């Protein structure tokens, strides 16, 4: 099985760390910093999981999560939302996220959550 993870975050440092740690664990990654063409990217890349930041420029991660979960073609893709704010966990879960992690996150915990979500499909 080809394990593809789409990373949607505007923090370039976080994106680099995620790409490195996920590729070391045999995941193929694609990073989007500007999610305006999210549905086209989902269709073309076909991820098994999405790591999504809550705070993004122009559109919130919560709004993106709702769009993905309300689309019959993408609703089954697990989404783990990420945020530095402790106030946002309930926001993420209300938006339909499958899981949530606070930034900065423990890399081992992240890999474990990714494995569970991808294998649980």
PDB file of N, CA and C in Angstrom:
ATOM      1  N   UNK A   1       0.840  -1.193   0.000  1.00  0.00           N
ATOM      2  CA  UNK A   1       0.000   0.000   0.000  1.00  0.00           C
ATOM      3  C   UNK A   1       0.878   1.247   0.000  1.00  0.00           C
ATOM      4  N   UNK A   2       0.507   2.198  -0.813  1.00  0.00           N
ATOM      5  CA  UNK A   2       1.253   3.440  -0.896  1.00  0.00           C
ATOM      6  C   UNK A   2       0.692   4.420   0.137  1.00  0.00           C
ATOM      7  N   UNK A   3       1.464   4.754   1.157  1.00  0.00           N
ATOM      8  CA  UNK A   3       0.990   5.628   2.220  1.00  0.00           C
ATOM      9  C   UNK A   3       1.358   7.078   1.940  1.00  0.00           C
ATOM     10  N   UNK A   4       0.358   7.834   1.529  1.00  0.00           N
ATOM     11  CA  UNK A   4       0.571   9.233   1.172  1.00  0.00           C
ATOM     12  C   UNK A   4      -0.057  10.140   2.224  1.00  0.00           C
ATOM     13  N   UNK A   5       0.708  11.157   2.628  1.00  0.00           N
ATOM     14  CA  UNK A   5       0.223  12.109   3.621  1.00  0.00           C
ATOM     15  C   UNK A   5       0.310  13.518   3.043  1.00  0.00           C
ATOM     16  N   UNK A   6      -0.820  14.208   3.097  1.00  0.00           N
ATOM     17  CA  UNK A   6      -0.874  15.596   2.671  1.00  0.00           C
ATOM     18  C   UNK A   6      -0.720  16.472   3.902  1.00  0.00           C
ATOM     19  N   UNK A   7       0.243  17.377   3.855  1.00  0.00           N
ATOM     20  CA  UNK A   7       0.505  18.305   4.959  1.00  0.00           C
ATOM     21  C   UNK A   7       0.019  19.684   4.527  1.00  0.00           C
ATOM     22  N   UNK A   8      -0.891  20.256   5.302  1.00  0.00           N
ATOM     23  CA  UNK A   8      -1.398  21.598   4.994  1.00  0.00           C
ATOM     24  C   UNK A   8      -1.057  22.494   6.168  1.00  0.00           C
ATOM     25  N   UNK A   9       0.003  23.280   6.005  1.00  0.00           N
ATOM     26  CA  UNK A   9       0.494  24.150   7.078  1.00  0.00           C
ATOM     27  C   UNK A   9       1.296  25.274   6.440  1.00  0.00           C
ATOM     28  N   UNK A  10       1.175  26.469   6.993  1.00  0.00           N
ATOM     29  CA  UNK A  10       1.928  27.597   6.433  1.00  0.00           C
ATOM     30  C   UNK A  10       3.260  27.820   7.152  1.00  0.00           C
ATOM     31  N   UNK A  11       3.583  26.987   8.126  1.00  0.00           N
ATOM     32  CA  UNK A  11       4.842  27.089   8.863  1.00  0.00           C
ATOM     33  C   UNK A  11       5.886  26.210   8.174  1.00  0.00           C
ATOM     34  N   UNK A  12       6.814  26.840   7.477  1.00  0.00           N
ATOM     35  CA  UNK A  12       7.797  26.101   6.682  1.00  0.00           C
ATOM     36  C   UNK A  12       8.679  25.204   7.538  1.00  0.00           C
ATOM     37  N   UNK A  13       9.006  25.630   8.748  1.00  0.00           N
ATOM     38  CA  UNK A  13       9.823  24.825   9.653  1.00  0.00           C
ATOM     39  C   UNK A  13       9.116  23.539  10.040  1.00  0.00           C
ATOM     40  N   UNK A  14       7.848  23.654  10.386  1.00  0.00           N
ATOM     41  CA  UNK A  14       7.042  22.474  10.732  1.00  0.00           C
ATOM     42  C   UNK A  14       6.959  21.540   9.515  1.00  0.00           C
ATOM     43  N   UNK A  15       6.731  22.122   8.348  1.00  0.00           N
ATOM     44  CA  UNK A  15       6.622  21.314   7.131  1.00  0.00           C
ATOM     45  C   UNK A  15       7.888  20.504   6.884  1.00  0.00           C
ATOM     46  N   UNK A  16       9.050  21.122   7.069  1.00  0.00           N
ATOM     47  CA  UNK A  16      10.316  20.419   6.843  1.00  0.00           C
ATOM     48  C   UNK A  16      10.479  19.264   7.817  1.00  0.00           C
ATOM     49  N   UNK A  17      10.183  19.522   9.099  1.00  0.00           N
ATOM     50  CA  UNK A  17      10.297  18.477  10.116  1.00  0.00           C
ATOM     51  C   UNK A  17       9.347  17.325   9.788  1.00  0.00           C
ATOM     52  N   UNK A  18       8.106  17.655   9.444  1.00  0.00           N
ATOM     53  CA  UNK A  18       7.122  16.622   9.112  1.00  0.00           C
ATOM     54  C   UNK A  18       7.564  15.804   7.903  1.00  0.00           C
ATOM     55  N   UNK A  19       8.042  16.485   6.855  1.00  0.00           N
ATOM     56  CA  UNK A  19       8.492  15.769   5.658  1.00  0.00           C
ATOM     57  C   UNK A  19       9.621  14.803   5.977  1.00  0.00           C
ATOM     58  N   UNK A  20      10.577  15.253   6.768  1.00  0.00           N
ATOM     59  CA  UNK A  20      11.739  14.417   7.106  1.00  0.00           C
ATOM     60  C   UNK A  20      11.303  13.211   7.933  1.00  0.00           C
ATOM     61  N   UNK A  21      10.571  13.449   9.016  1.00  0.00           N
ATOM     62  CA  UNK A  21      10.191  12.356   9.916  1.00  0.00           C
ATOM     63  C   UNK A  21       9.253  11.360   9.229  1.00  0.00           C
ATOM     64  N   UNK A  22       8.345  11.868   8.409  1.00  0.00           N
ATOM     65  CA  UNK A  22       7.412  10.964   7.717  1.00  0.00           C
ATOM     66  C   UNK A  22       8.110  10.167   6.617  1.00  0.00           C
ATOM     67  N   UNK A  23       9.018  10.806   5.882  1.00  0.00           N
ATOM     68  CA  UNK A  23       9.725  10.053   4.839  1.00  0.00           C
ATOM     69  C   UNK A  23      10.636   8.994   5.450  1.00  0.00           C
ATOM     70  N   UNK A  24      11.208   9.274   6.631  1.00  0.00           N
ATOM     71  CA  UNK A  24      12.022   8.276   7.327  1.00  0.00           C
ATOM     72  C   UNK A  24      11.171   7.071   7.743  1.00  0.00           C
ATOM     73  N   UNK A  25       9.866   7.282   7.854  1.00  0.00           N
ATOM     74  CA  UNK A  25       8.948   6.203   8.223  1.00  0.00           C
ATOM     75  C   UNK A  25       8.184   5.663   7.001  1.00  0.00           C
ATOM     76  N   UNK A  26       8.763   5.907   5.827  1.00  0.00           N
ATOM     77  CA  UNK A  26       8.237   5.374   4.559  1.00  0.00           C
ATOM     78  C   UNK A  26       6.884   5.926   4.137  1.00  0.00           C
ATOM     79  N   UNK A  27       6.638   7.187   4.446  1.00  0.00           N
ATOM     80  CA  UNK A  27       5.428   7.852   3.958  1.00  0.00           C
ATOM     81  C   UNK A  27       5.818   8.831   2.862  1.00  0.00           C
ATOM     82  N   UNK A  28       5.014   8.859   1.828  1.00  0.00           N
ATOM     83  CA  UNK A  28       5.199   9.847   0.760  1.00  0.00           C
ATOM     84  C   UNK A  28       4.428  11.098   1.195  1.00  0.00           C
ATOM     85  N   UNK A  29       5.057  12.260   1.109  1.00  0.00           N
ATOM     86  CA  UNK A  29       4.388  13.479   1.564  1.00  0.00           C
ATOM     87  C   UNK A  29       4.270  14.511   0.457  1.00  0.00           C
ATOM     88  N   UNK A  30       3.276  15.343   0.608  1.00  0.00           N
ATOM     89  CA  UNK A  30       3.109  16.519  -0.243  1.00  0.00           C
ATOM     90  C   UNK A  30       2.712  17.645   0.698  1.00  0.00           C
ATOM     91  N   UNK A  31       3.316  18.812   0.502  1.00  0.00           N
ATOM     92  CA  UNK A  31       3.039  19.961   1.366  1.00  0.00           C
ATOM     93  C   UNK A  31       2.299  21.029   0.594  1.00  0.00           C
ATOM     94  N   UNK A  32       1.265  21.565   1.219  1.00  0.00           N
ATOM     95  CA  UNK A  32       0.550  22.720   0.675  1.00  0.00           C
ATOM     96  C   UNK A  32       0.636  23.825   1.720  1.00  0.00           C
ATOM     97  N   UNK A  33       1.098  24.987   1.307  1.00  0.00           N
ATOM     98  CA  UNK A  33       1.122  26.114   2.244  1.00  0.00           C
ATOM     99  C   UNK A  33      -0.051  27.055   1.991  1.00  0.00           C
ATOM    100  N   UNK A  34      -0.612  26.980   0.786  1.00  0.00           N
ATOM    101  CA  UNK A  34      -1.771  27.802   0.443  1.00  0.00           C
ATOM    102  C   UNK A  34      -2.869  26.871  -0.064  1.00  0.00           C
ATOM    103  N   UNK A  35      -3.875  26.617   0.758  1.00  0.00           N
ATOM    104  CA  UNK A  35      -4.846  25.571   0.452  1.00  0.00           C
ATOM    105  C   UNK A  35      -5.994  25.953  -0.482  1.00  0.00           C
ATOM    106  N   UNK A  36      -5.800  26.964  -1.326  1.00  0.00           N
ATOM    107  CA  UNK A  36      -6.904  27.410  -2.175  1.00  0.00           C
ATOM    108  C   UNK A  36      -7.362  26.346  -3.175  1.00  0.00           C
ATOM    109  N   UNK A  37      -6.445  25.498  -3.620  1.00  0.00           N
ATOM    110  CA  UNK A  37      -6.812  24.458  -4.594  1.00  0.00           C
ATOM    111  C   UNK A  37      -6.822  23.089  -3.930  1.00  0.00           C
ATOM    112  N   UNK A  38      -7.327  23.038  -2.719  1.00  0.00           N
ATOM    113  CA  UNK A  38      -7.268  21.821  -1.920  1.00  0.00           C
ATOM    114  C   UNK A  38      -7.955  20.636  -2.586  1.00  0.00           C
ATOM    115  N   UNK A  39      -9.143  20.820  -3.127  1.00  0.00           N
ATOM    116  CA  UNK A  39      -9.869  19.685  -3.690  1.00  0.00           C
ATOM    117  C   UNK A  39      -9.149  19.105  -4.913  1.00  0.00           C
ATOM    118  N   UNK A  40      -8.573  19.969  -5.728  1.00  0.00           N
ATOM    119  CA  UNK A  40      -7.811  19.515  -6.896  1.00  0.00           C
ATOM    120  C   UNK A  40      -6.581  18.715  -6.435  1.00  0.00           C
ATOM    121  N   UNK A  41      -5.909  19.206  -5.413  1.00  0.00           N
ATOM    122  CA  UNK A  41      -4.733  18.519  -4.875  1.00  0.00           C
ATOM    123  C   UNK A  41      -5.115  17.161  -4.298  1.00  0.00           C
ATOM    124  N   UNK A  42      -6.238  17.109  -3.581  1.00  0.00           N
ATOM    125  CA  UNK A  42      -6.696  15.838  -3.005  1.00  0.00           C
ATOM    126  C   UNK A  42      -6.953  14.815  -4.107  1.00  0.00           C
ATOM    127  N   UNK A  43      -7.577  15.269  -5.181  1.00  0.00           N
ATOM    128  CA  UNK A  43      -7.896  14.389  -6.295  1.00  0.00           C
ATOM    129  C   UNK A  43      -6.620  13.879  -6.975  1.00  0.00           C
ATOM    130  N   UNK A  44      -5.666  14.771  -7.191  1.00  0.00           N
ATOM    131  CA  UNK A  44      -4.438  14.406  -7.900  1.00  0.00           C
ATOM    132  C   UNK A  44      -3.487  13.572  -7.044  1.00  0.00           C
ATOM    133  N   UNK A  45      -3.335  13.938  -5.776  1.00  0.00           N
ATOM    134  CA  UNK A  45      -2.358  13.269  -4.901  1.00  0.00           C
ATOM    135  C   UNK A  45      -2.938  12.015  -4.243  1.00  0.00           C
ATOM    136  N   UNK A  46      -4.215  12.039  -3.917  1.00  0.00           N
ATOM    137  CA  UNK A  46      -4.871  10.883  -3.308  1.00  0.00           C
ATOM    138  C   UNK A  46      -4.284  10.458  -1.981  1.00  0.00           C
ATOM    139  N   UNK A  47      -4.247  11.353  -0.986  1.00  0.00           N
ATOM    140  CA  UNK A  47      -3.618  11.008   0.293  1.00  0.00           C
ATOM    141  C   UNK A  47      -4.430   9.985   1.103  1.00  0.00           C
ATOM    142  N   UNK A  48      -3.707   9.247   1.954  1.00  0.00           N
ATOM    143  CA  UNK A  48      -4.336   8.322   2.892  1.00  0.00           C
ATOM    144  C   UNK A  48      -4.620   9.013   4.218  1.00  0.00           C
ATOM    145  N   UNK A  49      -4.030  10.214   4.402  1.00  0.00           N
ATOM    146  CA  UNK A  49      -4.157  10.961   5.644  1.00  0.00           C
ATOM    147  C   UNK A  49      -3.811  12.416   5.379  1.00  0.00           C
ATOM    148  N   UNK A  50      -4.427  13.305   6.149  1.00  0.00           N
ATOM    149  CA  UNK A  50      -4.128  14.742   6.040  1.00  0.00           C
ATOM    150  C   UNK A  50      -3.713  15.265   7.408  1.00  0.00           C
ATOM    151  N   UNK A  51      -2.589  15.978   7.439  1.00  0.00           N
ATOM    152  CA  UNK A  51      -2.176  16.724   8.626  1.00  0.00           C
ATOM    153  C   UNK A  51      -2.505  18.186   8.329  1.00  0.00           C
ATOM    154  N   UNK A  52      -3.360  18.774   9.128  1.00  0.00           N
ATOM    155  CA  UNK A  52      -3.933  20.087   8.804  1.00  0.00           C
ATOM    156  C   UNK A  52      -3.790  21.059   9.966  1.00  0.00           C
ATOM    157  N   UNK A  53      -3.155  22.189   9.702  1.00  0.00           N
ATOM    158  CA  UNK A  53      -3.033  23.252  10.705  1.00  0.00           C
ATOM    159  C   UNK A  53      -4.367  23.977  10.824  1.00  0.00           C
ATOM    160  N   UNK A  54      -4.712  24.379  12.035  1.00  0.00           N
ATOM    161  CA  UNK A  54      -5.977  25.103  12.218  1.00  0.00           C
ATOM    162  C   UNK A  54      -5.863  26.539  11.708  1.00  0.00           C
ATOM    163  N   UNK A  55      -4.731  27.189  12.007  1.00  0.00           N
ATOM    164  CA  UNK A  55      -4.593  28.596  11.625  1.00  0.00           C
ATOM    165  C   UNK A  55      -3.812  28.735  10.330  1.00  0.00           C
ATOM    166  N   UNK A  56      -4.528  29.105   9.273  1.00  0.00           N
ATOM    167  CA  UNK A  56      -3.934  29.299   7.951  1.00  0.00           C
ATOM    168  C   UNK A  56      -4.360  30.659   7.418  1.00  0.00           C
ATOM    169  N   UNK A  57      -3.576  31.242   6.512  1.00  0.00           N
ATOM    170  CA  UNK A  57      -4.001  32.509   5.917  1.00  0.00           C
ATOM    171  C   UNK A  57      -5.182  32.288   4.964  1.00  0.00           C
ATOM    172  N   UNK A  58      -6.072  33.219   4.893  1.00  0.00           N
ATOM    173  CA  UNK A  58      -7.211  33.246   3.962  1.00  0.00           C
ATOM    174  C   UNK A  58      -8.373  32.317   4.323  1.00  0.00           C
ATOM    175  N   UNK A  59      -8.097  31.089   4.734  1.00  0.00           N
ATOM    176  CA  UNK A  59      -9.164  30.151   5.095  1.00  0.00           C
ATOM    177  C   UNK A  59      -8.691  29.329   6.296  1.00  0.00           C
ATOM    178  N   UNK A  60      -9.580  29.094   7.245  1.00  0.00           N
ATOM    179  CA  UNK A  60      -9.169  28.367   8.447  1.00  0.00           C
ATOM    180  C   UNK A  60      -9.088  26.870   8.173  1.00  0.00           C
ATOM    181  N   UNK A  61      -8.257  26.209   8.934  1.00  0.00           N
ATOM    182  CA  UNK A  61      -8.155  24.764   8.841  1.00  0.00           C
ATOM    183  C   UNK A  61      -9.487  24.091   9.146  1.00  0.00           C
ATOM    184  N   UNK A  62     -10.243  24.689  10.063  1.00  0.00           N
ATOM    185  CA  UNK A  62     -11.568  24.142  10.397  1.00  0.00           C
ATOM    186  C   UNK A  62     -12.475  24.146   9.178  1.00  0.00           C
ATOM    187  N   UNK A  63     -12.423  25.226   8.419  1.00  0.00           N
ATOM    188  CA  UNK A  63     -13.245  25.342   7.212  1.00  0.00           C
ATOM    189  C   UNK A  63     -12.812  24.314   6.168  1.00  0.00           C
ATOM    190  N   UNK A  64     -11.506  24.132   6.010  1.00  0.00           N
ATOM    191  CA  UNK A  64     -10.984  23.133   5.077  1.00  0.00           C
ATOM    192  C   UNK A  64     -11.428  21.733   5.505  1.00  0.00           C
ATOM    193  N   UNK A  65     -11.333  21.466   6.796  1.00  0.00           N
ATOM    194  CA  UNK A  65     -11.742  20.166   7.329  1.00  0.00           C
ATOM    195  C   UNK A  65     -13.214  19.902   7.005  1.00  0.00           C
ATOM    196  N   UNK A  66     -14.054  20.903   7.211  1.00  0.00           N
ATOM    197  CA  UNK A  66     -15.484  20.750   6.911  1.00  0.00           C
ATOM    198  C   UNK A  66     -15.704  20.460   5.428  1.00  0.00           C
ATOM    199  N   UNK A  67     -14.976  21.184   4.557  1.00  0.00           N
ATOM    200  CA  UNK A  67     -15.107  20.963   3.115  1.00  0.00           C
ATOM    201  C   UNK A  67     -14.748  19.526   2.745  1.00  0.00           C
ATOM    202  N   UNK A  68     -13.649  19.041   3.306  1.00  0.00           N
ATOM    203  CA  UNK A  68     -13.188  17.686   3.001  1.00  0.00           C
ATOM    204  C   UNK A  68     -14.190  16.654   3.510  1.00  0.00           C
ATOM    205  N   UNK A  69     -14.665  16.846   4.731  1.00  0.00           N
ATOM    206  CA  UNK A  69     -15.577  15.878   5.350  1.00  0.00           C
ATOM    207  C   UNK A  69     -16.994  15.935   4.741  1.00  0.00           C
ATOM    208  N   UNK A  70     -17.347  17.046   4.115  1.00  0.00           N
ATOM    209  CA  UNK A  70     -18.667  17.172   3.493  1.00  0.00           C
ATOM    210  C   UNK A  70     -18.681  16.742   2.026  1.00  0.00           C
ATOM    211  N   UNK A  71     -17.530  16.313   1.509  1.00  0.00           N
ATOM    212  CA  UNK A  71     -17.430  15.888   0.119  1.00  0.00           C
ATOM    213  C   UNK A  71     -17.424  14.361   0.082  1.00  0.00           C
ATOM    214  N   UNK A  72     -18.329  13.769  -0.684  1.00  0.00           N
ATOM    215  CA  UNK A  72     -18.458  12.305  -0.712  1.00  0.00           C
ATOM    216  C   UNK A  72     -17.177  11.611  -1.177  1.00  0.00           C
ATOM    217  N   UNK A  73     -16.375  12.281  -2.010  1.00  0.00           N
ATOM    218  CA  UNK A  73     -15.143  11.665  -2.518  1.00  0.00           C
ATOM    219  C   UNK A  73     -14.006  11.686  -1.489  1.00  0.00           C
ATOM    220  N   UNK A  74     -14.044  12.634  -0.550  1.00  0.00           N
ATOM    221  CA  UNK A  74     -12.910  12.814   0.365  1.00  0.00           C
ATOM    222  C   UNK A  74     -13.265  12.614   1.837  1.00  0.00           C
ATOM    223  N   UNK A  75     -14.538  12.372   2.135  1.00  0.00           N
ATOM    224  CA  UNK A  75     -14.982  12.349   3.536  1.00  0.00           C
ATOM    225  C   UNK A  75     -14.327  11.263   4.386  1.00  0.00           C
ATOM    226  N   UNK A  76     -13.828  10.194   3.757  1.00  0.00           N
ATOM    227  CA  UNK A  76     -13.238   9.100   4.520  1.00  0.00           C
ATOM    228  C   UNK A  76     -11.739   9.245   4.765  1.00  0.00           C
ATOM    229  N   UNK A  77     -11.131  10.322   4.253  1.00  0.00           N
ATOM    230  CA  UNK A  77      -9.699  10.546   4.495  1.00  0.00           C
ATOM    231  C   UNK A  77      -9.538  11.038   5.939  1.00  0.00           C
ATOM    232  N   UNK A  78      -8.772  10.321   6.766  1.00  0.00           N
ATOM    233  CA  UNK A  78      -8.573  10.783   8.138  1.00  0.00           C
ATOM    234  C   UNK A  78      -7.818  12.112   8.171  1.00  0.00           C
ATOM    235  N   UNK A  79      -8.226  12.974   9.090  1.00  0.00           N
ATOM    236  CA  UNK A  79      -7.580  14.279   9.256  1.00  0.00           C
ATOM    237  C   UNK A  79      -7.112  14.411  10.698  1.00  0.00           C
ATOM    238  N   UNK A  80      -5.818  14.717  10.856  1.00  0.00           N
ATOM    239  CA  UNK A  80      -5.280  15.063  12.161  1.00  0.00           C
ATOM    240  C   UNK A  80      -4.990  16.553  12.117  1.00  0.00           C
ATOM    241  N   UNK A  81      -5.677  17.320  12.951  1.00  0.00           N
ATOM    242  CA  UNK A  81      -5.457  18.770  12.968  1.00  0.00           C
ATOM    243  C   UNK A  81      -4.374  19.110  13.977  1.00  0.00           C
ATOM    244  N   UNK A  82      -3.618  20.162  13.662  1.00  0.00           N
ATOM    245  CA  UNK A  82      -2.493  20.605  14.472  1.00  0.00           C
ATOM    246  C   UNK A  82      -2.688  22.060  14.872  1.00  0.00           C
ATOM    247  N   UNK A  83      -2.316  22.389  16.108  1.00  0.00           N
ATOM    248  CA  UNK A  83      -2.374  23.782  16.530  1.00  0.00           C
ATOM    249  C   UNK A  83      -1.521  24.007  17.763  1.00  0.00           C
ATOM    250  N   UNK A  84      -0.979  25.206  17.851  1.00  0.00           N
ATOM    251  CA  UNK A  84      -0.216  25.591  19.040  1.00  0.00           C
ATOM    252  C   UNK A  84      -1.153  26.072  20.151  1.00  0.00           C
ATOM    253  N   UNK A  85      -2.383  26.385  19.804  1.00  0.00           N
ATOM    254  CA  UNK A  85      -3.332  26.919  20.770  1.00  0.00           C
ATOM    255  C   UNK A  85      -4.122  25.805  21.454  1.00  0.00           C
ATOM    256  N   UNK A  86      -4.162  25.840  22.771  1.00  0.00           N
ATOM    257  CA  UNK A  86      -4.909  24.841  23.529  1.00  0.00           C
ATOM    258  C   UNK A  86      -6.416  25.060  23.404  1.00  0.00           C
ATOM    259  N   UNK A  87      -6.823  26.214  22.921  1.00  0.00           N
ATOM    260  CA  UNK A  87      -8.236  26.548  22.781  1.00  0.00           C
ATOM    261  C   UNK A  87      -8.887  25.866  21.577  1.00  0.00           C
ATOM    262  N   UNK A  88      -8.090  25.291  20.705  1.00  0.00           N
ATOM    263  CA  UNK A  88      -8.612  24.886  19.397  1.00  0.00           C
ATOM    264  C   UNK A  88      -8.969  23.412  19.251  1.00  0.00           C
ATOM    265  N   UNK A  89      -8.703  22.606  20.263  1.00  0.00           N
ATOM    266  CA  UNK A  89      -9.008  21.170  20.136  1.00  0.00           C
ATOM    267  C   UNK A  89     -10.502  20.960  19.874  1.00  0.00           C
ATOM    268  N   UNK A  90     -11.363  21.639  20.632  1.00  0.00           N
ATOM    269  CA  UNK A  90     -12.804  21.453  20.434  1.00  0.00           C
ATOM    270  C   UNK A  90     -13.228  21.957  19.059  1.00  0.00           C
ATOM    271  N   UNK A  91     -12.598  23.029  18.595  1.00  0.00           N
ATOM    272  CA  UNK A  91     -12.869  23.577  17.261  1.00  0.00           C
ATOM    273  C   UNK A  91     -12.550  22.531  16.188  1.00  0.00           C
ATOM    274  N   UNK A  92     -11.416  21.873  16.347  1.00  0.00           N
ATOM    275  CA  UNK A  92     -10.982  20.852  15.385  1.00  0.00           C
ATOM    276  C   UNK A  92     -11.961  19.685  15.359  1.00  0.00           C
ATOM    277  N   UNK A  93     -12.359  19.228  16.518  1.00  0.00           N
ATOM    278  CA  UNK A  93     -13.253  18.077  16.590  1.00  0.00           C
ATOM    279  C   UNK A  93     -14.647  18.430  16.079  1.00  0.00           C
ATOM    280  N   UNK A  94     -15.094  19.656  16.338  1.00  0.00           N
ATOM    281  CA  UNK A  94     -16.387  20.108  15.807  1.00  0.00           C
ATOM    282  C   UNK A  94     -16.368  20.171  14.287  1.00  0.00           C
ATOM    283  N   UNK A  95     -15.210  20.490  13.728  1.00  0.00           N
ATOM    284  CA  UNK A  95     -15.076  20.596  12.269  1.00  0.00           C
ATOM    285  C   UNK A  95     -15.049  19.222  11.605  1.00  0.00           C
ATOM    286  N   UNK A  96     -14.918  18.168  12.409  1.00  0.00           N
ATOM    287  CA  UNK A  96     -14.935  16.818  11.849  1.00  0.00           C
ATOM    288  C   UNK A  96     -13.587  16.122  11.825  1.00  0.00           C
ATOM    289  N   UNK A  97     -12.572  16.741  12.435  1.00  0.00           N
ATOM    290  CA  UNK A  97     -11.246  16.114  12.458  1.00  0.00           C
ATOM    291  C   UNK A  97     -11.308  14.775  13.187  1.00  0.00           C
ATOM    292  N   UNK A  98     -10.479  13.845  12.739  1.00  0.00           N
ATOM    293  CA  UNK A  98     -10.435  12.522  13.349  1.00  0.00           C
ATOM    294  C   UNK A  98      -9.547  12.490  14.585  1.00  0.00           C
ATOM    295  N   UNK A  99      -8.607  13.453  14.646  1.00  0.00           N
ATOM    296  CA  UNK A  99      -7.685  13.501  15.772  1.00  0.00           C
ATOM    297  C   UNK A  99      -7.108  14.904  15.850  1.00  0.00           C
ATOM    298  N   UNK A 100      -6.350  15.160  16.915  1.00  0.00           N
ATOM    299  CA  UNK A 100      -5.803  16.496  17.155  1.00  0.00           C
ATOM    300  C   UNK A 100      -4.467  16.354  17.874  1.00  0.00           C
ATOM    301  N   UNK A 101      -3.526  17.230  17.534  1.00  0.00           N
ATOM    302  CA  UNK A 101      -2.247  17.285  18.250  1.00  0.00           C
ATOM    303  C   UNK A 101      -1.859  18.739  18.483  1.00  0.00           C
ATOM    304  N   UNK A 102      -1.303  18.991  19.669  1.00  0.00           N
ATOM    305  CA  UNK A 102      -0.783  20.319  19.969  1.00  0.00           C
ATOM    306  C   UNK A 102       0.629  20.452  19.414  1.00  0.00           C
ATOM    307  N   UNK A 103       0.941  21.673  18.921  1.00  0.00           N
ATOM    308  CA  UNK A 103       2.315  21.994  18.528  1.00  0.00           C
ATOM    309  C   UNK A 103       2.984  22.631  19.741  1.00  0.00           C
ATOM    310  N   UNK A 104       4.247  22.405  20.003  1.00  0.00           N
ATOM    311  CA  UNK A 104       5.093  21.436  19.305  1.00  0.00           C
ATOM    312  C   UNK A 104       4.681  20.022  19.720  1.00  0.00           C
ATOM    313  N   UNK A 105       4.718  19.106  18.765  1.00  0.00           N
ATOM    314  CA  UNK A 105       4.260  17.755  19.051  1.00  0.00           C
ATOM    315  C   UNK A 105       5.436  16.816  19.237  1.00  0.00           C
ATOM    316  N   UNK A 106       5.173  15.741  19.941  1.00  0.00           N
ATOM    317  CA  UNK A 106       6.136  14.673  20.127  1.00  0.00           C
ATOM    318  C   UNK A 106       6.147  13.855  18.831  1.00  0.00           C
ATOM    319  N   UNK A 107       7.304  13.712  18.213  1.00  0.00           N
ATOM    320  CA  UNK A 107       7.387  13.049  16.911  1.00  0.00           C
ATOM    321  C   UNK A 107       6.986  11.580  16.979  1.00  0.00           C
ATOM    322  N   UNK A 108       7.348  10.896  18.053  1.00  0.00           N
ATOM    323  CA  UNK A 108       6.957   9.489  18.196  1.00  0.00           C
ATOM    324  C   UNK A 108       5.434   9.363  18.308  1.00  0.00           C
ATOM    325  N   UNK A 109       4.828  10.281  19.055  1.00  0.00           N
ATOM    326  CA  UNK A 109       3.369  10.269  19.203  1.00  0.00           C
ATOM    327  C   UNK A 109       2.702  10.553  17.857  1.00  0.00           C
ATOM    328  N   UNK A 110       3.273  11.489  17.098  1.00  0.00           N
ATOM    329  CA  UNK A 110       2.730  11.808  15.775  1.00  0.00           C
ATOM    330  C   UNK A 110       2.764  10.579  14.871  1.00  0.00           C
ATOM    331  N   UNK A 111       3.906   9.909  14.802  1.00  0.00           N
ATOM    332  CA  UNK A 111       4.034   8.721  13.950  1.00  0.00           C
ATOM    333  C   UNK A 111       3.039   7.650  14.390  1.00  0.00           C
ATOM    334  N   UNK A 112       2.873   7.489  15.690  1.00  0.00           N
ATOM    335  CA  UNK A 112       1.932   6.496  16.201  1.00  0.00           C
ATOM    336  C   UNK A 112       0.500   6.831  15.762  1.00  0.00           C
ATOM    337  N   UNK A 113       0.116   8.105  15.876  1.00  0.00           N
ATOM    338  CA  UNK A 113      -1.233   8.523  15.473  1.00  0.00           C
ATOM    339  C   UNK A 113      -1.430   8.335  13.968  1.00  0.00           C
ATOM    340  N   UNK A 114      -0.404   8.654  13.193  1.00  0.00           N
ATOM    341  CA  UNK A 114      -0.469   8.482  11.738  1.00  0.00           C
ATOM    342  C   UNK A 114      -0.676   7.004  11.399  1.00  0.00           C
ATOM    343  N   UNK A 115       0.116   6.145  12.017  1.00  0.00           N
ATOM    344  CA  UNK A 115      -0.003   4.700  11.764  1.00  0.00           C
ATOM    345  C   UNK A 115      -1.405   4.197  12.089  1.00  0.00           C
ATOM    346  N   UNK A 116      -1.921   4.588  13.240  1.00  0.00           N
ATOM    347  CA  UNK A 116      -3.245   4.150  13.668  1.00  0.00           C
ATOM    348  C   UNK A 116      -4.310   4.605  12.668  1.00  0.00           C
ATOM    349  N   UNK A 117      -4.247   5.850  12.251  1.00  0.00           N
ATOM    350  CA  UNK A 117      -5.256   6.400  11.345  1.00  0.00           C
ATOM    351  C   UNK A 117      -5.183   5.768   9.957  1.00  0.00           C
ATOM    352  N   UNK A 118      -3.979   5.523   9.461  1.00  0.00           N
ATOM    353  CA  UNK A 118      -3.849   4.951   8.109  1.00  0.00           C
ATOM    354  C   UNK A 118      -4.215   3.466   8.127  1.00  0.00           C
ATOM    355  N   UNK A 119      -3.755   2.743   9.111  1.00  0.00           N
ATOM    356  CA  UNK A 119      -4.038   1.308   9.158  1.00  0.00           C
ATOM    357  C   UNK A 119      -5.472   1.037   9.578  1.00  0.00           C
ATOM    358  N   UNK A 120      -6.069   1.991  10.265  1.00  0.00           N
ATOM    359  CA  UNK A 120      -7.439   1.825  10.715  1.00  0.00           C
ATOM    360  C   UNK A 120      -8.461   1.993   9.613  1.00  0.00           C
ATOM    361  N   UNK A 121      -8.012   2.462   8.449  1.00  0.00           N
ATOM    362  CA  UNK A 121      -8.933   2.680   7.312  1.00  0.00           C
ATOM    363  C   UNK A 121      -9.424   1.383   6.750  1.00  0.00           C
TER     364      UNK A 121
END
